Amino acid sequence: MRLKKYRKAKLTKKFIRYAIVGAIGTAIYLFILTLLIEFLRYDPVISSTLAFIIIVIISYILNYKWTFRAKSRHRISFPRYLTVSFIGLLLNTIIMFLAVNVFSIWYGLAQVIAIVLIPISNFILNFYWSFKSKN
């Protein structure tokens, strides 16, 4: 029973760290996006893509070192992390499409639904797959 509580507390701590990294990532993403569009006059679509690429790399490093304290090799964990990130992007697109175009839900509420569901699924995939070492 005590071991189960310990594991649950450890998992909760990792999830909280994952959420903090996500919040930091979102803030950095918005900063880069604004910088590229408003000050450097880049196209919004290009800016969004560049900001996304930069934040995926930053988030990977923070999650690898701080959230999961991973021991796996980067050549294994980074492609897995990228896969999970693109699965999240795909899920976001599907949720937004279904909510807005099929169920006629306001896009703001649809995005809230995605913001709740996707980090949970990404955390689970990253915890059990991306940063898992062979040990």
N, C-alpha and C. Protein backbone atom coordinates (compact mmCIF):
# COMPACT_ATOMS: atom_id res chain seq x y z
N MET A 1 0.83 -1.20 0.00
CA MET A 1 0.00 0.00 0.00
C MET A 1 0.87 1.26 0.00
N ARG A 2 1.94 1.21 0.79
CA ARG A 2 2.82 2.36 0.88
C ARG A 2 3.55 2.61 -0.44
N LEU A 3 3.92 1.52 -1.12
CA LEU A 3 4.59 1.62 -2.41
C LEU A 3 3.66 2.24 -3.45
N LYS A 4 2.39 1.87 -3.40
CA LYS A 4 1.40 2.41 -4.33
C LYS A 4 1.23 3.92 -4.13
N LYS A 5 1.19 4.36 -2.88
CA LYS A 5 1.09 5.79 -2.58
C LYS A 5 2.33 6.54 -3.07
N TYR A 6 3.50 5.93 -2.87
CA TYR A 6 4.75 6.54 -3.31
C TYR A 6 4.76 6.72 -4.82
N ARG A 7 4.35 5.67 -5.55
CA ARG A 7 4.32 5.74 -7.01
C ARG A 7 3.34 6.80 -7.50
N LYS A 8 2.18 6.87 -6.83
CA LYS A 8 1.17 7.86 -7.21
C LYS A 8 1.70 9.27 -6.97
N ALA A 9 2.37 9.49 -5.83
CA ALA A 9 2.94 10.80 -5.51
C ALA A 9 4.04 11.16 -6.52
N LYS A 10 4.84 10.19 -6.90
CA LYS A 10 5.91 10.42 -7.86
C LYS A 10 5.34 10.77 -9.24
N LEU A 11 4.29 10.07 -9.64
CA LEU A 11 3.63 10.34 -10.91
C LEU A 11 2.98 11.73 -10.91
N THR A 12 2.35 12.07 -9.80
CA THR A 12 1.72 13.39 -9.65
C THR A 12 2.77 14.49 -9.75
N LYS A 13 3.90 14.29 -9.11
CA LYS A 13 4.99 15.27 -9.16
C LYS A 13 5.48 15.45 -10.60
N LYS A 14 5.62 14.36 -11.33
CA LYS A 14 6.05 14.45 -12.73
C LYS A 14 5.00 15.18 -13.56
N PHE A 15 3.72 14.90 -13.32
CA PHE A 15 2.67 15.57 -14.08
C PHE A 15 2.67 17.07 -13.80
N ILE A 16 2.88 17.46 -12.55
CA ILE A 16 2.94 18.88 -12.20
C ILE A 16 4.12 19.54 -12.91
N ARG A 17 5.27 18.87 -12.90
CA ARG A 17 6.43 19.39 -13.61
C ARG A 17 6.15 19.50 -15.12
N TYR A 18 5.47 18.49 -15.65
CA TYR A 18 5.10 18.49 -17.07
C TYR A 18 4.20 19.69 -17.38
N ALA A 19 3.26 19.97 -16.50
CA ALA A 19 2.36 21.12 -16.67
C ALA A 19 3.13 22.44 -16.60
N ILE A 20 4.10 22.52 -15.71
CA ILE A 20 4.91 23.74 -15.59
C ILE A 20 5.72 23.95 -16.87
N VAL A 21 6.32 22.88 -17.38
CA VAL A 21 7.07 22.96 -18.64
C VAL A 21 6.12 23.40 -19.76
N GLY A 22 4.91 22.87 -19.76
CA GLY A 22 3.92 23.26 -20.76
C GLY A 22 3.58 24.74 -20.69
N ALA A 23 3.42 25.25 -19.47
CA ALA A 23 3.11 26.67 -19.29
C ALA A 23 4.29 27.54 -19.74
N ILE A 24 5.49 27.13 -19.37
CA ILE A 24 6.69 27.85 -19.81
C ILE A 24 6.78 27.82 -21.34
N GLY A 25 6.54 26.65 -21.90
CA GLY A 25 6.59 26.50 -23.35
C GLY A 25 5.58 27.39 -24.06
N THR A 26 4.39 27.46 -23.51
CA THR A 26 3.35 28.30 -24.11
C THR A 26 3.76 29.78 -24.07
N ALA A 27 4.31 30.20 -22.94
CA ALA A 27 4.75 31.60 -22.82
C ALA A 27 5.88 31.90 -23.81
N ILE A 28 6.85 31.00 -23.91
CA ILE A 28 7.95 31.21 -24.85
C ILE A 28 7.44 31.20 -26.29
N TYR A 29 6.53 30.27 -26.59
CA TYR A 29 5.94 30.20 -27.93
C TYR A 29 5.28 31.53 -28.29
N LEU A 30 4.46 32.05 -27.39
CA LEU A 30 3.76 33.31 -27.66
C LEU A 30 4.74 34.47 -27.81
N PHE A 31 5.80 34.46 -27.01
CA PHE A 31 6.82 35.50 -27.10
C PHE A 31 7.51 35.45 -28.47
N ILE A 32 7.95 34.25 -28.88
CA ILE A 32 8.62 34.10 -30.17
C ILE A 32 7.68 34.48 -31.31
N LEU A 33 6.44 34.01 -31.23
CA LEU A 33 5.45 34.32 -32.25
C LEU A 33 5.27 35.83 -32.40
N THR A 34 5.08 36.51 -31.30
CA THR A 34 4.90 37.97 -31.31
C THR A 34 6.15 38.67 -31.84
N LEU A 35 7.31 38.22 -31.39
CA LEU A 35 8.57 38.81 -31.85
C LEU A 35 8.72 38.68 -33.36
N LEU A 36 8.47 37.49 -33.87
CA LEU A 36 8.63 37.26 -35.31
C LEU A 36 7.62 38.05 -36.15
N ILE A 37 6.38 38.11 -35.68
CA ILE A 37 5.33 38.79 -36.47
C ILE A 37 5.40 40.31 -36.31
N GLU A 38 5.40 40.76 -35.07
CA GLU A 38 5.26 42.19 -34.81
C GLU A 38 6.55 42.99 -35.01
N PHE A 39 7.69 42.39 -34.66
CA PHE A 39 8.93 43.15 -34.73
C PHE A 39 9.79 42.81 -35.95
N LEU A 40 9.79 41.54 -36.35
CA LEU A 40 10.60 41.14 -37.50
C LEU A 40 9.78 41.05 -38.78
N ARG A 41 8.45 41.23 -38.66
CA ARG A 41 7.53 41.28 -39.79
C ARG A 41 7.51 39.99 -40.63
N TYR A 42 7.67 38.85 -39.96
CA TYR A 42 7.55 37.56 -40.65
C TYR A 42 6.07 37.26 -40.87
N ASP A 43 5.81 36.41 -41.83
CA ASP A 43 4.47 35.92 -42.10
C ASP A 43 3.96 35.13 -40.87
N PRO A 44 2.68 35.29 -40.48
CA PRO A 44 2.16 34.58 -39.31
C PRO A 44 2.26 33.05 -39.39
N VAL A 45 2.04 32.48 -40.55
CA VAL A 45 2.10 31.02 -40.67
C VAL A 45 3.54 30.54 -40.50
N ILE A 46 4.46 31.23 -41.15
CA ILE A 46 5.88 30.88 -41.00
C ILE A 46 6.32 31.09 -39.56
N SER A 47 5.89 32.19 -38.95
CA SER A 47 6.23 32.49 -37.56
C SER A 47 5.72 31.41 -36.61
N SER A 48 4.50 30.99 -36.84
CA SER A 48 3.91 29.94 -36.01
C SER A 48 4.68 28.64 -36.14
N THR A 49 5.07 28.31 -37.35
CA THR A 49 5.84 27.08 -37.59
C THR A 49 7.21 27.15 -36.92
N LEU A 50 7.90 28.28 -37.09
CA LEU A 50 9.22 28.44 -36.46
C LEU A 50 9.11 28.39 -34.94
N ALA A 51 8.12 29.08 -34.39
CA ALA A 51 7.93 29.08 -32.94
C ALA A 51 7.62 27.67 -32.44
N PHE A 52 6.82 26.92 -33.18
CA PHE A 52 6.49 25.55 -32.81
C PHE A 52 7.74 24.68 -32.78
N ILE A 53 8.59 24.80 -33.80
CA ILE A 53 9.82 24.00 -33.86
C ILE A 53 10.73 24.34 -32.69
N ILE A 54 10.91 25.62 -32.42
CA ILE A 54 11.77 26.05 -31.32
C ILE A 54 11.24 25.54 -29.99
N ILE A 55 9.93 25.64 -29.78
CA ILE A 55 9.37 25.25 -28.49
C ILE A 55 9.37 23.75 -28.29
N VAL A 56 9.25 23.00 -29.36
CA VAL A 56 9.35 21.54 -29.23
C VAL A 56 10.74 21.16 -28.72
N ILE A 57 11.77 21.81 -29.24
CA ILE A 57 13.14 21.51 -28.81
C ILE A 57 13.35 21.93 -27.36
N ILE A 58 12.91 23.13 -27.01
CA ILE A 58 13.05 23.61 -25.63
C ILE A 58 12.27 22.71 -24.66
N SER A 59 11.04 22.37 -25.01
CA SER A 59 10.22 21.51 -24.16
C SER A 59 10.84 20.13 -24.00
N TYR A 60 11.40 19.61 -25.08
CA TYR A 60 12.06 18.31 -25.00
C TYR A 60 13.18 18.34 -23.97
N ILE A 61 14.04 19.35 -24.05
CA ILE A 61 15.17 19.45 -23.13
C ILE A 61 14.69 19.57 -21.69
N LEU A 62 13.71 20.44 -21.44
CA LEU A 62 13.19 20.61 -20.08
C LEU A 62 12.54 19.33 -19.56
N ASN A 63 11.75 18.68 -20.40
CA ASN A 63 11.10 17.44 -19.97
C ASN A 63 12.11 16.31 -19.77
N TYR A 64 13.10 16.23 -20.63
CA TYR A 64 14.12 15.19 -20.52
C TYR A 64 14.90 15.34 -19.22
N LYS A 65 15.37 16.56 -18.97
CA LYS A 65 16.24 16.79 -17.81
C LYS A 65 15.50 16.98 -16.48
N TRP A 66 14.36 17.68 -16.52
CA TRP A 66 13.71 18.06 -15.26
C TRP A 66 12.47 17.23 -14.96
N THR A 67 11.56 17.13 -15.89
CA THR A 67 10.30 16.43 -15.63
C THR A 67 10.51 14.95 -15.41
N PHE A 68 11.14 14.29 -16.37
CA PHE A 68 11.27 12.83 -16.33
C PHE A 68 12.63 12.36 -15.86
N ARG A 69 13.60 13.27 -15.77
CA ARG A 69 14.97 12.93 -15.39
C ARG A 69 15.41 11.66 -16.12
N ALA A 70 15.27 11.74 -17.43
CA ALA A 70 15.46 10.57 -18.30
C ALA A 70 16.92 10.14 -18.36
N LYS A 71 17.09 8.85 -18.58
CA LYS A 71 18.41 8.26 -18.75
C LYS A 71 18.54 7.68 -20.16
N SER A 72 17.45 7.72 -20.92
CA SER A 72 17.46 7.16 -22.26
C SER A 72 18.34 8.02 -23.18
N ARG A 73 18.78 7.42 -24.25
CA ARG A 73 19.63 8.13 -25.22
C ARG A 73 18.76 9.08 -26.04
N HIS A 74 19.34 10.24 -26.36
CA HIS A 74 18.61 11.24 -27.14
C HIS A 74 18.21 10.71 -28.51
N ARG A 75 19.03 9.87 -29.09
CA ARG A 75 18.70 9.35 -30.43
C ARG A 75 17.47 8.44 -30.39
N ILE A 76 17.10 7.97 -29.21
CA ILE A 76 15.87 7.19 -29.04
C ILE A 76 14.73 8.09 -28.57
N SER A 77 14.99 8.87 -27.52
CA SER A 77 13.90 9.63 -26.90
C SER A 77 13.45 10.84 -27.72
N PHE A 78 14.37 11.52 -28.42
CA PHE A 78 13.96 12.71 -29.17
C PHE A 78 13.01 12.38 -30.33
N PRO A 79 13.32 11.37 -31.17
CA PRO A 79 12.33 11.02 -32.21
C PRO A 79 10.99 10.59 -31.64
N ARG A 80 11.02 9.91 -30.51
CA ARG A 80 9.76 9.52 -29.86
C ARG A 80 9.00 10.74 -29.38
N TYR A 81 9.73 11.69 -28.78
CA TYR A 81 9.10 12.92 -28.31
C TYR A 81 8.49 13.70 -29.49
N LEU A 82 9.22 13.76 -30.59
CA LEU A 82 8.68 14.42 -31.79
C LEU A 82 7.41 13.72 -32.26
N THR A 83 7.41 12.41 -32.24
CA THR A 83 6.23 11.64 -32.65
C THR A 83 5.04 11.98 -31.76
N VAL A 84 5.27 12.02 -30.45
CA VAL A 84 4.20 12.36 -29.50
C VAL A 84 3.72 13.80 -29.75
N SER A 85 4.64 14.71 -29.99
CA SER A 85 4.26 16.10 -30.26
C SER A 85 3.39 16.22 -31.51
N PHE A 86 3.74 15.48 -32.55
CA PHE A 86 2.94 15.53 -33.78
C PHE A 86 1.61 14.80 -33.61
N ILE A 87 1.58 13.78 -32.78
CA ILE A 87 0.29 13.14 -32.45
C ILE A 87 -0.60 14.17 -31.74
N GLY A 88 -0.01 14.95 -30.83
CA GLY A 88 -0.77 16.01 -30.16
C GLY A 88 -1.29 17.04 -31.14
N LEU A 89 -0.45 17.42 -32.09
CA LEU A 89 -0.88 18.37 -33.13
C LEU A 89 -2.01 17.79 -33.96
N LEU A 90 -1.91 16.53 -34.31
CA LEU A 90 -2.96 15.85 -35.07
C LEU A 90 -4.26 15.77 -34.26
N LEU A 91 -4.15 15.40 -32.99
CA LEU A 91 -5.33 15.34 -32.11
C LEU A 91 -5.99 16.72 -32.01
N ASN A 92 -5.18 17.76 -31.88
CA ASN A 92 -5.72 19.11 -31.80
C ASN A 92 -6.51 19.44 -33.07
N THR A 93 -5.94 19.09 -34.20
CA THR A 93 -6.62 19.35 -35.48
C THR A 93 -7.93 18.58 -35.57
N ILE A 94 -7.91 17.32 -35.17
CA ILE A 94 -9.12 16.49 -35.23
C ILE A 94 -10.19 17.02 -34.27
N ILE A 95 -9.78 17.35 -33.04
CA ILE A 95 -10.74 17.87 -32.06
C ILE A 95 -11.35 19.17 -32.56
N MET A 96 -10.50 20.07 -33.05
CA MET A 96 -11.01 21.35 -33.55
C MET A 96 -11.95 21.14 -34.74
N PHE A 97 -11.58 20.28 -35.68
CA PHE A 97 -12.43 20.04 -36.85
C PHE A 97 -13.78 19.47 -36.43
N LEU A 98 -13.75 18.42 -35.61
CA LEU A 98 -15.01 17.78 -35.20
C LEU A 98 -15.89 18.74 -34.40
N ALA A 99 -15.27 19.40 -33.43
CA ALA A 99 -16.05 20.29 -32.56
C ALA A 99 -16.67 21.44 -33.35
N VAL A 100 -15.88 22.08 -34.19
CA VAL A 100 -16.36 23.26 -34.91
C VAL A 100 -17.23 22.89 -36.11
N ASN A 101 -16.76 21.97 -36.93
CA ASN A 101 -17.44 21.68 -38.20
C ASN A 101 -18.53 20.62 -38.12
N VAL A 102 -18.40 19.69 -37.19
CA VAL A 102 -19.41 18.62 -37.09
C VAL A 102 -20.43 18.93 -36.00
N PHE A 103 -19.94 19.36 -34.83
CA PHE A 103 -20.84 19.59 -33.70
C PHE A 103 -21.21 21.06 -33.49
N SER A 104 -20.70 21.94 -34.33
CA SER A 104 -20.99 23.39 -34.27
C SER A 104 -20.72 23.99 -32.90
N ILE A 105 -19.62 23.59 -32.29
CA ILE A 105 -19.20 24.14 -31.00
C ILE A 105 -18.31 25.34 -31.28
N TRP A 106 -18.43 26.37 -30.47
CA TRP A 106 -17.60 27.57 -30.59
C TRP A 106 -16.13 27.16 -30.50
N TYR A 107 -15.29 27.74 -31.36
CA TYR A 107 -13.88 27.35 -31.44
C TYR A 107 -13.14 27.52 -30.11
N GLY A 108 -13.52 28.53 -29.32
CA GLY A 108 -12.87 28.75 -28.02
C GLY A 108 -13.09 27.58 -27.08
N LEU A 109 -14.32 27.09 -27.01
CA LEU A 109 -14.62 25.93 -26.17
C LEU A 109 -13.94 24.68 -26.73
N ALA A 110 -13.92 24.57 -28.05
CA ALA A 110 -13.24 23.43 -28.67
C ALA A 110 -11.77 23.41 -28.31
N GLN A 111 -11.15 24.59 -28.31
CA GLN A 111 -9.72 24.65 -27.95
C GLN A 111 -9.51 24.32 -26.48
N VAL A 112 -10.43 24.72 -25.62
CA VAL A 112 -10.32 24.36 -24.20
C VAL A 112 -10.37 22.84 -24.05
N ILE A 113 -11.27 22.20 -24.76
CA ILE A 113 -11.36 20.73 -24.72
C ILE A 113 -10.02 20.12 -25.15
N ALA A 114 -9.46 20.63 -26.23
CA ALA A 114 -8.17 20.12 -26.70
C ALA A 114 -7.06 20.38 -25.69
N ILE A 115 -7.07 21.55 -25.07
CA ILE A 115 -6.04 21.90 -24.09
C ILE A 115 -6.11 21.00 -22.86
N VAL A 116 -7.28 20.50 -22.54
CA VAL A 116 -7.42 19.57 -21.41
C VAL A 116 -6.99 18.16 -21.81
N LEU A 117 -7.43 17.69 -22.96
CA LEU A 117 -7.18 16.30 -23.36
C LEU A 117 -5.76 16.02 -23.85
N ILE A 118 -5.23 16.90 -24.65
CA ILE A 118 -3.95 16.62 -25.31
C ILE A 118 -2.77 16.56 -24.33
N PRO A 119 -2.63 17.48 -23.39
CA PRO A 119 -1.51 17.34 -22.46
C PRO A 119 -1.57 16.03 -21.65
N ILE A 120 -2.76 15.58 -21.32
CA ILE A 120 -2.89 14.32 -20.57
C ILE A 120 -2.41 13.15 -21.44
N SER A 121 -2.87 13.09 -22.68
CA SER A 121 -2.44 12.00 -23.56
C SER A 121 -0.94 12.10 -23.87
N ASN A 122 -0.45 13.31 -24.08
CA ASN A 122 0.99 13.48 -24.34
C ASN A 122 1.83 13.07 -23.13
N PHE A 123 1.37 13.43 -21.94
CA PHE A 123 2.10 13.04 -20.72
C PHE A 123 2.19 11.52 -20.62
N ILE A 124 1.08 10.86 -20.82
CA ILE A 124 1.06 9.39 -20.72
C ILE A 124 2.00 8.77 -21.74
N LEU A 125 1.94 9.23 -22.98
CA LEU A 125 2.83 8.70 -24.03
C LEU A 125 4.30 9.00 -23.73
N ASN A 126 4.57 10.21 -23.27
CA ASN A 126 5.96 10.56 -22.94
C ASN A 126 6.46 9.78 -21.73
N PHE A 127 5.62 9.61 -20.73
CA PHE A 127 6.01 8.89 -19.52
C PHE A 127 6.32 7.42 -19.81
N TYR A 128 5.42 6.77 -20.55
CA TYR A 128 5.55 5.34 -20.78
C TYR A 128 6.34 4.97 -22.04
N TRP A 129 6.65 5.94 -22.90
CA TRP A 129 7.33 5.58 -24.14
C TRP A 129 8.51 6.48 -24.46
N SER A 130 8.31 7.78 -24.60
CA SER A 130 9.37 8.67 -25.08
C SER A 130 10.62 8.65 -24.22
N PHE A 131 10.44 8.73 -22.92
CA PHE A 131 11.59 8.85 -22.02
C PHE A 131 11.88 7.58 -21.24
N LYS A 132 11.29 6.48 -21.66
CA LYS A 132 11.50 5.20 -21.00
C LYS A 132 12.82 4.60 -21.45
N SER A 133 13.65 4.23 -20.49
CA SER A 133 14.90 3.55 -20.85
C SER A 133 14.65 2.05 -20.82
N LYS A 134 15.57 1.29 -21.36
CA LYS A 134 15.41 -0.16 -21.44
C LYS A 134 15.48 -0.86 -20.09
N ASN A 135 15.95 -0.18 -19.08
CA ASN A 135 16.13 -0.81 -17.75
C ASN A 135 14.90 -1.46 -17.24
